[in-house]
Amino acid sequence: MRNREPLIVTVAAMTDVGLVREQNEDAILVGDLDRSVVWELDEEPWVLTGQLGPLMVVCDGMGGVEGGEVASDLGVRALWTEVAANPSA
């Protein structure tokens, strides 16, 4: 890998339940690929500095479908697991 200038990225994220549903089933994951750390969304905006940068994933929870929140959470976690295992691929 060639030497690159570090990326500096400020990240903030949120979802909204919308006008129809009572429960938000969306899932967001922001992970720092340089440090293999997942950002907790209840924290302040996160500033990342590194060579690889962040992985930012959003999965729509398919409101109204049983288990929609489970599927969206599984989707973001599975993607994080795979990309974090080999971030430079």
Protein backbone atom coordinates (compact mmCIF):
# COMPACT_ATOMS: atom_id res chain seq x y z
CA MET A 1 0.00 0.00 0.00
CA ARG A 2 1.40 3.39 -0.89
CA ASN A 3 1.77 6.16 1.65
CA ARG A 4 -1.25 8.47 1.60
CA GLU A 5 -2.28 11.53 3.56
CA PRO A 6 -4.57 10.58 6.44
CA LEU A 7 -8.29 11.12 5.99
CA ILE A 8 -10.06 13.43 8.41
CA VAL A 9 -13.80 12.71 8.53
CA THR A 10 -16.46 14.05 10.90
CA VAL A 11 -19.44 11.70 11.22
CA ALA A 12 -22.88 12.16 12.77
CA ALA A 13 -25.89 9.89 12.20
CA MET A 14 -29.53 9.48 13.15
CA THR A 15 -32.70 7.76 12.01
CA ASP A 16 -36.33 8.70 12.39
CA VAL A 17 -39.38 6.52 13.02
CA GLY A 18 -41.34 8.46 10.39
CA LEU A 19 -45.05 9.25 10.31
CA VAL A 20 -46.55 5.74 10.08
CA ARG A 21 -44.65 3.36 12.38
CA GLU A 22 -44.41 3.34 16.17
CA GLN A 23 -40.96 1.72 16.31
CA ASN A 24 -37.83 2.60 14.37
CA GLU A 25 -36.38 -0.54 12.79
CA ASP A 26 -33.54 1.10 10.86
CA ALA A 27 -29.93 0.31 11.75
CA ILE A 28 -26.87 2.51 11.34
CA LEU A 29 -23.29 1.46 11.91
CA VAL A 30 -20.22 3.66 11.66
CA GLY A 31 -16.91 1.93 12.22
CA ASP A 32 -13.34 3.18 12.25
CA LEU A 33 -11.45 0.79 9.97
CA ASP A 34 -8.05 2.00 11.19
CA ARG A 35 -8.82 1.14 14.82
CA SER A 36 -11.50 -1.58 14.39
CA VAL A 37 -13.89 0.36 16.63
CA VAL A 38 -17.65 0.80 16.17
CA TRP A 39 -19.04 4.23 17.09
CA GLU A 40 -21.99 4.32 19.48
CA LEU A 41 -24.68 6.56 17.96
CA ASP A 42 -25.59 8.18 21.27
CA GLU A 43 -22.17 9.84 21.38
CA GLU A 44 -21.29 13.26 20.01
CA PRO A 45 -20.21 13.52 16.36
CA TRP A 46 -17.06 11.51 15.83
CA VAL A 47 -13.89 12.78 14.17
CA LEU A 48 -11.85 10.02 12.54
CA THR A 49 -8.29 10.42 11.36
CA GLY A 50 -6.50 7.61 9.59
CA GLN A 51 -5.47 5.98 6.35
CA LEU A 52 -8.54 3.80 5.78
CA GLY A 53 -11.34 5.99 7.09
CA PRO A 54 -14.81 4.96 8.24
CA LEU A 55 -17.24 2.31 7.11
CA MET A 56 -20.73 3.81 7.12
CA VAL A 57 -23.70 1.45 6.71
CA VAL A 58 -27.46 2.01 6.80
CA CYS A 59 -30.00 -0.83 6.64
CA ASP A 60 -33.69 -0.02 6.28
CA GLY A 61 -35.65 -2.03 8.83
CA MET A 62 -38.71 -2.82 6.67
CA GLY A 63 -41.25 -1.41 9.11
CA GLY A 64 -44.30 -3.57 9.62
CA VAL A 65 -42.47 -6.85 8.97
CA GLU A 66 -41.88 -9.05 12.01
CA GLY A 67 -38.20 -9.08 12.87
CA GLY A 68 -37.39 -6.06 10.69
CA GLU A 69 -35.22 -4.52 13.40
CA VAL A 70 -33.35 -7.81 13.85
CA ALA A 71 -32.68 -8.10 10.12
CA SER A 72 -31.39 -4.54 9.80
CA ASP A 73 -29.12 -4.90 12.85
CA LEU A 74 -27.80 -8.22 11.56
CA GLY A 75 -27.13 -6.64 8.18
CA VAL A 76 -24.96 -3.80 9.52
CA ARG A 77 -23.11 -6.09 11.95
CA ALA A 78 -22.38 -8.76 9.31
CA LEU A 79 -21.04 -6.16 6.90
CA TRP A 80 -18.84 -4.66 9.63
CA THR A 81 -17.47 -8.09 10.56
CA GLU A 82 -16.51 -8.90 6.98
CA VAL A 83 -15.01 -5.53 6.05
CA ALA A 84 -13.18 -5.03 9.36
CA ALA A 85 -11.55 -8.45 8.94
CA ASN A 86 -9.90 -7.31 5.70
CA PRO A 87 -10.23 -3.49 5.48
CA SER A 88 -7.70 -2.89 2.71
CA ALA A 89 -9.29 -5.33 0.23
